[in-house]
Amino acid sequence: MRAKSALVRFVVAPGGRIVPDVAGKLPGRGLWLTAGRDIVALAVTKRLFARAARQPVIVDDDLAERVEALLAERCRDHIGFARRAGQAVMGFAKVEAALARGKAAVLLAAADGAADGRGKLRALAPELPVVEQLTGAELGVAFGREHVVHAALAPGPIARALMADAARLAGFRARRGESEARFGE
């Protein structure tokens, strides 16, 4: 048993196809799995979706990739909402200023950004969670730029929603074969 925020919901579409429901809003009985690429692969291999649904189902080969893409899109959407609401800043200097004023609840660092930049920001606010699952290009999409390396979100429901979805995304983007997603370390 795990919290819903650590799980990914799937439903059986009318044609019998398994569909990821990362928002948890699609109609139908939900089939829940721990958010992880290896867990989805195991469920497909052992035909657990059909067993849980109690009917024959169609599972696409790229199911884990689709879940990853949907979770990354949700994370970008949360950041975009925060930006439009004036609850997000980007760029090292602006993030540093937000940290100094105590206006940041979540740090965002591009997965493909330099480790020393992440280390400098983390040193300024070691208690804050850091979302490192998105690339600089993905962060850039959320901010309407080509590439963003550092950003921060203000406290509130958008920041909490981003952290929950980023934790689920980490299970699909674990580095170097890590089975457990590391988030905010």
N, C-alpha and C. Protein backbone atom coordinates (compact mmCIF):
# COMPACT_ATOMS: atom_id res chain seq x y z
N MET A 1 0.84 -1.17 0.00
CA MET A 1 0.00 0.00 0.00
C MET A 1 0.89 1.24 0.00
N ARG A 2 0.58 2.15 -0.88
CA ARG A 2 1.30 3.41 -0.97
C ARG A 2 0.29 4.54 -1.12
N ALA A 3 0.77 5.74 -0.91
CA ALA A 3 -0.07 6.91 -1.12
C ALA A 3 -0.39 7.05 -2.60
N LYS A 4 -1.57 7.58 -2.91
CA LYS A 4 -1.96 7.77 -4.31
C LYS A 4 -0.96 8.64 -5.05
N SER A 5 -0.33 9.57 -4.36
CA SER A 5 0.62 10.47 -5.00
C SER A 5 1.86 9.74 -5.51
N ALA A 6 2.10 8.52 -5.05
CA ALA A 6 3.26 7.74 -5.49
C ALA A 6 2.88 6.69 -6.54
N LEU A 7 1.63 6.71 -6.96
CA LEU A 7 1.14 5.69 -7.88
C LEU A 7 0.71 6.31 -9.21
N VAL A 8 0.62 5.46 -10.22
CA VAL A 8 0.10 5.87 -11.52
C VAL A 8 -1.14 5.02 -11.78
N ARG A 9 -2.19 5.68 -12.22
CA ARG A 9 -3.46 5.01 -12.49
C ARG A 9 -3.55 4.67 -13.97
N PHE A 10 -4.09 3.51 -14.25
CA PHE A 10 -4.38 3.06 -15.61
C PHE A 10 -5.84 2.68 -15.65
N VAL A 11 -6.46 2.82 -16.81
CA VAL A 11 -7.83 2.38 -17.00
C VAL A 11 -7.91 1.58 -18.30
N VAL A 12 -8.97 0.79 -18.41
CA VAL A 12 -9.21 0.03 -19.63
C VAL A 12 -10.15 0.85 -20.49
N ALA A 13 -9.70 1.22 -21.68
CA ALA A 13 -10.51 1.99 -22.63
C ALA A 13 -11.61 1.08 -23.18
N PRO A 14 -12.65 1.66 -23.78
CA PRO A 14 -13.75 0.83 -24.32
C PRO A 14 -13.28 -0.26 -25.28
N GLY A 15 -12.21 -0.06 -26.02
CA GLY A 15 -11.72 -1.08 -26.93
C GLY A 15 -10.86 -2.13 -26.27
N GLY A 16 -10.66 -2.03 -24.94
CA GLY A 16 -9.86 -3.01 -24.23
C GLY A 16 -8.40 -2.62 -24.10
N ARG A 17 -8.04 -1.44 -24.55
CA ARG A 17 -6.65 -0.98 -24.48
C ARG A 17 -6.38 -0.34 -23.13
N ILE A 18 -5.21 -0.63 -22.55
CA ILE A 18 -4.78 -0.01 -21.30
C ILE A 18 -4.30 1.41 -21.60
N VAL A 19 -4.86 2.37 -20.85
CA VAL A 19 -4.55 3.79 -21.06
C VAL A 19 -4.03 4.37 -19.75
N PRO A 20 -2.89 5.06 -19.77
CA PRO A 20 -2.43 5.72 -18.55
C PRO A 20 -3.31 6.92 -18.22
N ASP A 21 -3.61 7.07 -16.95
CA ASP A 21 -4.45 8.17 -16.47
C ASP A 21 -3.67 8.90 -15.38
N VAL A 22 -2.68 9.67 -15.78
CA VAL A 22 -1.81 10.32 -14.80
C VAL A 22 -2.53 11.39 -14.00
N ALA A 23 -3.61 11.95 -14.54
CA ALA A 23 -4.38 12.95 -13.80
C ALA A 23 -5.39 12.30 -12.85
N GLY A 24 -5.68 11.02 -13.06
CA GLY A 24 -6.63 10.33 -12.20
C GLY A 24 -8.07 10.75 -12.41
N LYS A 25 -8.41 11.18 -13.62
CA LYS A 25 -9.75 11.71 -13.88
C LYS A 25 -10.58 10.88 -14.87
N LEU A 26 -9.98 9.93 -15.56
CA LEU A 26 -10.72 9.16 -16.55
C LEU A 26 -11.75 8.26 -15.88
N PRO A 27 -12.87 8.03 -16.55
CA PRO A 27 -13.89 7.15 -15.95
C PRO A 27 -13.43 5.70 -16.01
N GLY A 28 -14.00 4.92 -15.14
CA GLY A 28 -13.68 3.50 -15.13
C GLY A 28 -12.92 3.11 -13.88
N ARG A 29 -12.84 1.81 -13.69
CA ARG A 29 -12.13 1.27 -12.54
C ARG A 29 -10.63 1.45 -12.76
N GLY A 30 -9.96 1.99 -11.79
CA GLY A 30 -8.54 2.24 -11.91
C GLY A 30 -7.70 1.04 -11.56
N LEU A 31 -6.63 0.87 -12.30
CA LEU A 31 -5.62 -0.13 -12.01
C LEU A 31 -4.38 0.66 -11.61
N TRP A 32 -3.92 0.51 -10.39
CA TRP A 32 -2.86 1.36 -9.85
C TRP A 32 -1.55 0.61 -9.77
N LEU A 33 -0.47 1.29 -10.17
CA LEU A 33 0.88 0.74 -10.06
C LEU A 33 1.80 1.77 -9.43
N THR A 34 2.82 1.29 -8.76
CA THR A 34 3.86 2.18 -8.28
C THR A 34 4.52 2.85 -9.48
N ALA A 35 4.81 4.13 -9.35
CA ALA A 35 5.39 4.89 -10.46
C ALA A 35 6.83 4.45 -10.69
N GLY A 36 7.01 3.60 -11.68
CA GLY A 36 8.34 3.13 -12.02
C GLY A 36 8.33 2.39 -13.34
N ARG A 37 9.32 2.65 -14.15
CA ARG A 37 9.44 1.99 -15.45
C ARG A 37 9.53 0.48 -15.27
N ASP A 38 10.32 0.04 -14.31
CA ASP A 38 10.49 -1.40 -14.10
C ASP A 38 9.20 -2.06 -13.60
N ILE A 39 8.40 -1.35 -12.84
CA ILE A 39 7.13 -1.89 -12.34
C ILE A 39 6.14 -2.06 -13.50
N VAL A 40 6.08 -1.08 -14.39
CA VAL A 40 5.20 -1.17 -15.56
C VAL A 40 5.63 -2.34 -16.45
N ALA A 41 6.95 -2.46 -16.66
CA ALA A 41 7.46 -3.56 -17.49
C ALA A 41 7.11 -4.91 -16.87
N LEU A 42 7.24 -5.03 -15.57
CA LEU A 42 6.90 -6.27 -14.88
C LEU A 42 5.41 -6.59 -15.01
N ALA A 43 4.56 -5.55 -14.86
CA ALA A 43 3.12 -5.75 -15.00
C ALA A 43 2.75 -6.21 -16.40
N VAL A 44 3.44 -5.69 -17.41
CA VAL A 44 3.17 -6.10 -18.79
C VAL A 44 3.64 -7.54 -18.99
N THR A 45 4.84 -7.86 -18.53
CA THR A 45 5.41 -9.20 -18.71
C THR A 45 4.56 -10.27 -18.03
N LYS A 46 4.09 -9.98 -16.84
CA LYS A 46 3.32 -10.97 -16.08
C LYS A 46 1.82 -10.90 -16.34
N ARG A 47 1.42 -10.05 -17.30
CA ARG A 47 0.02 -9.91 -17.69
C ARG A 47 -0.87 -9.52 -16.51
N LEU A 48 -0.35 -8.65 -15.66
CA LEU A 48 -1.09 -8.25 -14.46
C LEU A 48 -2.25 -7.32 -14.77
N PHE A 49 -2.16 -6.57 -15.87
CA PHE A 49 -3.27 -5.69 -16.24
C PHE A 49 -4.51 -6.51 -16.55
N ALA A 50 -4.35 -7.57 -17.32
CA ALA A 50 -5.49 -8.43 -17.67
C ALA A 50 -6.06 -9.11 -16.43
N ARG A 51 -5.19 -9.53 -15.56
CA ARG A 51 -5.65 -10.20 -14.34
C ARG A 51 -6.42 -9.22 -13.45
N ALA A 52 -5.89 -8.01 -13.27
CA ALA A 52 -6.56 -7.03 -12.42
C ALA A 52 -7.88 -6.55 -13.04
N ALA A 53 -7.91 -6.43 -14.36
CA ALA A 53 -9.12 -5.96 -15.04
C ALA A 53 -10.15 -7.08 -15.21
N ARG A 54 -9.71 -8.31 -15.03
CA ARG A 54 -10.57 -9.49 -15.19
C ARG A 54 -11.17 -9.57 -16.59
N GLN A 55 -10.34 -9.20 -17.56
CA GLN A 55 -10.76 -9.28 -18.96
C GLN A 55 -9.50 -9.19 -19.82
N PRO A 56 -9.59 -9.63 -21.07
CA PRO A 56 -8.44 -9.49 -21.97
C PRO A 56 -8.21 -8.00 -22.26
N VAL A 57 -6.95 -7.59 -22.26
CA VAL A 57 -6.62 -6.19 -22.53
C VAL A 57 -5.51 -6.12 -23.56
N ILE A 58 -5.39 -4.96 -24.17
CA ILE A 58 -4.33 -4.68 -25.13
C ILE A 58 -3.37 -3.71 -24.46
N VAL A 59 -2.11 -4.09 -24.41
CA VAL A 59 -1.09 -3.24 -23.79
C VAL A 59 -0.08 -2.87 -24.87
N ASP A 60 0.08 -1.58 -25.11
CA ASP A 60 1.04 -1.10 -26.10
C ASP A 60 2.46 -1.31 -25.60
N ASP A 61 3.38 -1.54 -26.54
CA ASP A 61 4.78 -1.76 -26.19
C ASP A 61 5.43 -0.53 -25.57
N ASP A 62 4.93 0.66 -25.93
CA ASP A 62 5.54 1.89 -25.45
C ASP A 62 4.78 2.49 -24.25
N LEU A 63 4.14 1.66 -23.46
CA LEU A 63 3.32 2.16 -22.35
C LEU A 63 4.14 2.97 -21.36
N ALA A 64 5.30 2.49 -20.97
CA ALA A 64 6.13 3.21 -20.00
C ALA A 64 6.60 4.55 -20.57
N GLU A 65 6.93 4.59 -21.85
CA GLU A 65 7.35 5.84 -22.49
C GLU A 65 6.20 6.84 -22.53
N ARG A 66 4.98 6.34 -22.77
CA ARG A 66 3.81 7.24 -22.78
C ARG A 66 3.55 7.81 -21.40
N VAL A 67 3.69 6.99 -20.36
CA VAL A 67 3.50 7.48 -18.99
C VAL A 67 4.55 8.54 -18.68
N GLU A 68 5.79 8.27 -19.05
CA GLU A 68 6.87 9.24 -18.81
C GLU A 68 6.58 10.56 -19.51
N ALA A 69 6.16 10.50 -20.76
CA ALA A 69 5.85 11.72 -21.52
C ALA A 69 4.69 12.49 -20.89
N LEU A 70 3.66 11.77 -20.45
CA LEU A 70 2.51 12.44 -19.83
C LEU A 70 2.88 13.09 -18.50
N LEU A 71 3.71 12.42 -17.70
CA LEU A 71 4.14 13.00 -16.43
C LEU A 71 5.04 14.21 -16.66
N ALA A 72 5.92 14.14 -17.65
CA ALA A 72 6.78 15.29 -17.97
C ALA A 72 5.93 16.47 -18.43
N GLU A 73 4.90 16.19 -19.21
CA GLU A 73 4.00 17.25 -19.67
C GLU A 73 3.27 17.88 -18.48
N ARG A 74 2.82 17.06 -17.54
CA ARG A 74 2.15 17.61 -16.35
C ARG A 74 3.10 18.50 -15.56
N CYS A 75 4.34 18.08 -15.42
CA CYS A 75 5.32 18.90 -14.69
C CYS A 75 5.53 20.23 -15.40
N ARG A 76 5.67 20.19 -16.72
CA ARG A 76 5.82 21.44 -17.49
C ARG A 76 4.59 22.32 -17.34
N ASP A 77 3.41 21.72 -17.33
CA ASP A 77 2.18 22.49 -17.16
C ASP A 77 2.14 23.17 -15.80
N HIS A 78 2.52 22.46 -14.75
CA HIS A 78 2.54 23.06 -13.41
C HIS A 78 3.47 24.27 -13.38
N ILE A 79 4.63 24.11 -13.98
CA ILE A 79 5.60 25.22 -14.00
C ILE A 79 5.05 26.39 -14.81
N GLY A 80 4.41 26.08 -15.93
CA GLY A 80 3.81 27.14 -16.74
C GLY A 80 2.71 27.87 -16.00
N PHE A 81 1.88 27.13 -15.25
CA PHE A 81 0.83 27.76 -14.44
C PHE A 81 1.45 28.68 -13.39
N ALA A 82 2.51 28.19 -12.74
CA ALA A 82 3.18 28.99 -11.71
C ALA A 82 3.78 30.25 -12.33
N ARG A 83 4.36 30.12 -13.51
CA ARG A 83 4.95 31.28 -14.18
C ARG A 83 3.88 32.32 -14.48
N ARG A 84 2.76 31.88 -15.04
CA ARG A 84 1.69 32.81 -15.39
C ARG A 84 1.04 33.42 -14.15
N ALA A 85 1.10 32.73 -13.02
CA ALA A 85 0.53 33.25 -11.78
C ALA A 85 1.53 34.11 -11.01
N GLY A 86 2.72 34.28 -11.56
CA GLY A 86 3.74 35.07 -10.89
C GLY A 86 4.38 34.34 -9.72
N GLN A 87 4.31 33.02 -9.73
CA GLN A 87 4.86 32.21 -8.64
C GLN A 87 6.13 31.47 -9.04
N ALA A 88 6.74 31.84 -10.15
CA ALA A 88 7.95 31.17 -10.59
C ALA A 88 8.95 32.19 -11.11
N VAL A 89 10.23 31.93 -10.83
CA VAL A 89 11.31 32.74 -11.37
C VAL A 89 12.32 31.80 -12.01
N MET A 90 13.08 32.35 -12.95
CA MET A 90 14.10 31.53 -13.61
C MET A 90 15.39 32.33 -13.69
N GLY A 91 16.48 31.61 -13.84
CA GLY A 91 17.80 32.23 -13.91
C GLY A 91 18.45 32.21 -12.54
N PHE A 92 19.76 32.01 -12.53
CA PHE A 92 20.49 31.85 -11.28
C PHE A 92 20.30 33.04 -10.35
N ALA A 93 20.46 34.25 -10.86
CA ALA A 93 20.38 35.46 -10.02
C ALA A 93 18.98 35.64 -9.43
N LYS A 94 17.94 35.41 -10.23
CA LYS A 94 16.57 35.57 -9.73
C LYS A 94 16.22 34.48 -8.71
N VAL A 95 16.70 33.27 -8.94
CA VAL A 95 16.46 32.19 -7.98
C VAL A 95 17.19 32.50 -6.68
N GLU A 96 18.41 32.97 -6.79
CA GLU A 96 19.20 33.34 -5.62
C GLU A 96 18.49 34.44 -4.81
N ALA A 97 17.92 35.43 -5.50
CA ALA A 97 17.19 36.50 -4.84
C ALA A 97 15.93 35.98 -4.17
N ALA A 98 15.21 35.08 -4.83
CA ALA A 98 14.01 34.49 -4.24
C ALA A 98 14.36 33.69 -2.98
N LEU A 99 15.48 32.99 -3.02
CA LEU A 99 15.92 32.24 -1.85
C LEU A 99 16.28 33.18 -0.70
N ALA A 100 16.93 34.27 -1.02
CA ALA A 100 17.32 35.24 0.01
C ALA A 100 16.09 35.86 0.67
N ARG A 101 15.03 36.07 -0.09
CA ARG A 101 13.79 36.65 0.45
C ARG A 101 12.89 35.60 1.10
N GLY A 102 13.25 34.33 0.97
CA GLY A 102 12.43 33.26 1.53
C GLY A 102 11.16 33.01 0.75
N LYS A 103 11.17 33.32 -0.54
CA LYS A 103 9.98 33.20 -1.39
C LYS A 103 9.98 31.94 -2.25
N ALA A 104 10.87 30.99 -1.98
CA ALA A 104 10.95 29.78 -2.79
C ALA A 104 10.60 28.56 -1.94
N ALA A 105 9.79 27.68 -2.53
CA ALA A 105 9.43 26.43 -1.86
C ALA A 105 10.04 25.23 -2.55
N VAL A 106 10.32 25.36 -3.85
CA VAL A 106 10.88 24.28 -4.65
C VAL A 106 11.92 24.85 -5.59
N LEU A 107 13.07 24.21 -5.65
CA LEU A 107 14.09 24.58 -6.62
C LEU A 107 13.96 23.65 -7.82
N LEU A 108 14.16 24.21 -9.01
CA LEU A 108 14.17 23.41 -10.23
C LEU A 108 15.55 23.51 -10.83
N ALA A 109 16.14 22.39 -11.16
CA ALA A 109 17.46 22.35 -11.77
C ALA A 109 17.41 21.42 -12.97
N ALA A 110 17.87 21.88 -14.09
CA ALA A 110 17.85 21.06 -15.30
C ALA A 110 18.71 19.82 -15.10
N ALA A 111 18.19 18.69 -15.51
CA ALA A 111 18.91 17.43 -15.37
C ALA A 111 20.21 17.44 -16.15
N ASP A 112 20.25 18.20 -17.24
CA ASP A 112 21.45 18.27 -18.04
C ASP A 112 22.27 19.52 -17.75
N GLY A 113 21.97 20.22 -16.65
CA GLY A 113 22.71 21.40 -16.24
C GLY A 113 23.97 21.01 -15.47
N ALA A 114 24.83 21.98 -15.24
CA ALA A 114 26.08 21.73 -14.53
C ALA A 114 25.82 21.44 -13.06
N ALA A 115 26.53 20.49 -12.53
CA ALA A 115 26.36 20.10 -11.13
C ALA A 115 26.79 21.20 -10.17
N ASP A 116 27.78 22.01 -10.56
CA ASP A 116 28.24 23.05 -9.64
C ASP A 116 27.18 24.12 -9.43
N GLY A 117 26.38 24.45 -10.43
CA GLY A 117 25.29 25.41 -10.27
C GLY A 117 24.23 24.90 -9.33
N ARG A 118 23.88 23.61 -9.47
CA ARG A 118 22.92 23.00 -8.55
C ARG A 118 23.46 23.01 -7.13
N GLY A 119 24.74 22.72 -7.00
CA GLY A 119 25.37 22.70 -5.68
C GLY A 119 25.35 24.07 -5.02
N LYS A 120 25.57 25.12 -5.79
CA LYS A 120 25.57 26.48 -5.24
C LYS A 120 24.18 26.84 -4.72
N LEU A 121 23.14 26.55 -5.49
CA LEU A 121 21.79 26.84 -5.05
C LEU A 121 21.39 25.98 -3.86
N ARG A 122 21.76 24.74 -3.91
CA ARG A 122 21.42 23.83 -2.82
C ARG A 122 22.10 24.26 -1.52
N ALA A 123 23.30 24.83 -1.64
CA ALA A 123 23.99 25.33 -0.45
C ALA A 123 23.27 26.52 0.16
N LEU A 124 22.61 27.32 -0.67
CA LEU A 124 21.86 28.48 -0.17
C LEU A 124 20.58 28.07 0.56
N ALA A 125 20.01 26.95 0.17
CA ALA A 125 18.76 26.48 0.78
C ALA A 125 18.76 24.96 0.86
N PRO A 126 19.55 24.40 1.76
CA PRO A 126 19.66 22.93 1.82
C PRO A 126 18.37 22.21 2.22
N GLU A 127 17.44 22.94 2.82
CA GLU A 127 16.20 22.30 3.28
C GLU A 127 15.14 22.19 2.19
N LEU A 128 15.31 22.91 1.09
CA LEU A 128 14.29 22.90 0.03
C LEU A 128 14.44 21.69 -0.87
N PRO A 129 13.31 21.14 -1.32
CA PRO A 129 13.38 20.05 -2.30
C PRO A 129 13.85 20.58 -3.65
N VAL A 130 14.54 19.72 -4.39
CA VAL A 130 15.04 20.08 -5.71
C VAL A 130 14.46 19.11 -6.73
N VAL A 131 13.80 19.65 -7.73
CA VAL A 131 13.26 18.84 -8.83
C VAL A 131 14.31 18.84 -9.93
N GLU A 132 14.85 17.66 -10.24
CA GLU A 132 15.92 17.54 -11.23
C GLU A 132 15.55 16.59 -12.37
N GLN A 133 14.27 16.32 -12.55
CA GLN A 133 13.87 15.33 -13.55
C GLN A 133 13.73 15.90 -14.95
N LEU A 134 13.58 17.20 -15.10
CA LEU A 134 13.36 17.80 -16.41
C LEU A 134 14.67 18.33 -16.99
N THR A 135 14.78 18.26 -18.31
CA THR A 135 15.96 18.80 -18.99
C THR A 135 15.83 20.31 -19.12
N GLY A 136 16.91 20.94 -19.52
CA GLY A 136 16.89 22.38 -19.74
C GLY A 136 15.90 22.78 -20.83
N ALA A 137 15.79 21.96 -21.86
CA ALA A 137 14.84 22.24 -22.94
C ALA A 137 13.40 22.11 -22.43
N GLU A 138 13.13 21.10 -21.60
CA GLU A 138 11.78 20.93 -21.06
C GLU A 138 11.42 22.08 -20.12
N LEU A 139 12.36 22.51 -19.29
CA LEU A 139 12.11 23.68 -18.44
C LEU A 139 11.90 24.92 -19.30
N GLY A 140 12.66 25.02 -20.38
CA GLY A 140 12.52 26.15 -21.29
C GLY A 140 11.12 26.24 -21.89
N VAL A 141 10.54 25.11 -22.25
CA VAL A 141 9.18 25.09 -22.79
C VAL A 141 8.21 25.68 -21.77
N ALA A 142 8.37 25.33 -20.50
CA ALA A 142 7.47 25.82 -19.47
C ALA A 142 7.59 27.33 -19.27
N PHE A 143 8.78 27.87 -19.52
CA PHE A 143 9.01 29.30 -19.34
C PHE A 143 8.95 30.08 -20.64
N GLY A 144 8.66 29.41 -21.74
CA GLY A 144 8.60 30.09 -23.02
C GLY A 144 9.96 30.51 -23.53
N ARG A 145 10.97 29.77 -23.16
CA ARG A 145 12.34 30.04 -23.58
C ARG A 145 12.89 28.80 -24.27
N GLU A 146 14.08 28.96 -24.81
CA GLU A 146 14.70 27.81 -25.46
C GLU A 146 15.31 26.85 -24.44
N HIS A 147 15.93 27.41 -23.38
CA HIS A 147 16.65 26.60 -22.43
C HIS A 147 16.66 27.30 -21.06
N VAL A 148 16.32 26.60 -20.01
CA VAL A 148 16.37 27.14 -18.65
C VAL A 148 17.08 26.11 -17.78
N VAL A 149 18.02 26.59 -16.97
CA VAL A 149 18.78 25.68 -16.11
C VAL A 149 18.33 25.75 -14.66
N HIS A 150 18.08 26.97 -14.16
CA HIS A 150 17.69 27.14 -12.76
C HIS A 150 16.36 27.88 -12.67
N ALA A 151 15.50 27.44 -11.76
CA ALA A 151 14.23 28.10 -11.51
C ALA A 151 13.78 27.77 -10.10
N ALA A 152 12.79 28.51 -9.65
CA ALA A 152 12.21 28.27 -8.32
C ALA A 152 10.73 28.58 -8.36
N LEU A 153 9.96 27.87 -7.55
CA LEU A 153 8.53 28.10 -7.42
C LEU A 153 8.23 28.56 -6.00
N ALA A 154 7.26 29.46 -5.89
CA ALA A 154 6.81 29.96 -4.60
C ALA A 154 5.97 28.90 -3.90
N PRO A 155 5.83 29.01 -2.59
CA PRO A 155 5.00 28.04 -1.87
C PRO A 155 3.54 28.10 -2.34
N GLY A 156 2.87 26.97 -2.28
CA GLY A 156 1.46 26.92 -2.65
C GLY A 156 1.07 25.61 -3.28
N PRO A 157 -0.18 25.52 -3.71
CA PRO A 157 -0.69 24.26 -4.27
C PRO A 157 0.00 23.86 -5.57
N ILE A 158 0.42 24.82 -6.37
CA ILE A 158 1.08 24.47 -7.64
C ILE A 158 2.43 23.81 -7.34
N ALA A 159 3.16 24.35 -6.39
CA ALA A 159 4.46 23.77 -6.02
C ALA A 159 4.27 22.36 -5.46
N ARG A 160 3.25 22.16 -4.64
CA ARG A 160 3.00 20.82 -4.10
C ARG A 160 2.63 19.83 -5.19
N ALA A 161 1.80 20.27 -6.14
CA ALA A 161 1.41 19.39 -7.25
C ALA A 161 2.62 19.04 -8.11
N LEU A 162 3.49 20.03 -8.35
CA LEU A 162 4.70 19.77 -9.13
C LEU A 162 5.58 18.75 -8.42
N MET A 163 5.76 18.89 -7.13
CA MET A 163 6.62 17.94 -6.41
C MET A 163 6.06 16.52 -6.47
N ALA A 164 4.75 16.38 -6.37
CA ALA A 164 4.14 15.05 -6.45
C ALA A 164 4.33 14.43 -7.82
N ASP A 165 4.09 15.21 -8.88
CA ASP A 165 4.26 14.67 -10.23
C ASP A 165 5.72 14.44 -10.57
N ALA A 166 6.61 15.29 -10.08
CA ALA A 166 8.04 15.10 -10.33
C ALA A 166 8.55 13.84 -9.64
N ALA A 167 8.02 13.54 -8.47
CA ALA A 167 8.41 12.32 -7.77
C ALA A 167 7.97 11.09 -8.57
N ARG A 168 6.77 11.15 -9.16
CA ARG A 168 6.32 10.03 -10.00
C ARG A 168 7.16 9.93 -11.26
N LEU A 169 7.50 11.08 -11.85
CA LEU A 169 8.33 11.09 -13.05
C LEU A 169 9.71 10.51 -12.77
N ALA A 170 10.23 10.73 -11.58
CA ALA A 170 11.55 10.21 -11.23
C ALA A 170 11.60 8.68 -11.35
N GLY A 171 10.48 8.01 -11.10
CA GLY A 171 10.44 6.56 -11.25
C GLY A 171 10.61 6.10 -12.68
N PHE A 172 10.34 6.98 -13.62
CA PHE A 172 10.50 6.63 -15.03
C PHE A 172 11.80 7.17 -15.61
N ARG A 173 12.45 8.06 -14.88
CA ARG A 173 13.71 8.64 -15.34
C ARG A 173 14.84 8.39 -14.36
N ALA A 174 14.81 7.25 -13.69
CA ALA A 174 15.87 6.93 -12.74
C ALA A 174 17.20 6.87 -13.47
N ARG A 175 18.20 7.42 -12.84
CA ARG A 175 19.53 7.48 -13.47
C ARG A 175 20.31 6.20 -13.24
N ARG A 176 21.04 5.79 -14.25
CA ARG A 176 21.97 4.67 -14.18
C ARG A 176 21.37 3.43 -13.54
N GLY A 177 20.13 3.12 -13.90
CA GLY A 177 19.53 1.87 -13.46
C GLY A 177 19.08 1.86 -12.01
N GLU A 178 18.93 3.01 -11.39
CA GLU A 178 18.45 3.02 -10.01
C GLU A 178 17.02 2.50 -10.01
N SER A 179 16.72 1.58 -9.13
CA SER A 179 15.36 1.05 -9.10
C SER A 179 14.44 1.95 -8.30
N GLU A 180 14.93 2.57 -7.26
CA GLU A 180 14.12 3.49 -6.50
C GLU A 180 14.43 4.91 -6.95
N ALA A 181 13.42 5.67 -7.21
CA ALA A 181 13.61 7.06 -7.65
C ALA A 181 14.11 7.89 -6.48
N ARG A 182 15.10 8.71 -6.78
CA ARG A 182 15.61 9.60 -5.75
C ARG A 182 15.07 10.99 -6.04
N PHE A 183 14.47 11.60 -5.03
CA PHE A 183 13.84 12.89 -5.22
C PHE A 183 14.20 13.80 -4.07
N GLY A 184 14.73 14.97 -4.40
CA GLY A 184 15.00 15.97 -3.39
C GLY A 184 16.17 15.69 -2.49
N GLU A 185 17.07 14.81 -2.88
CA GLU A 185 18.22 14.54 -2.03
C GLU A 185 19.33 15.52 -2.32
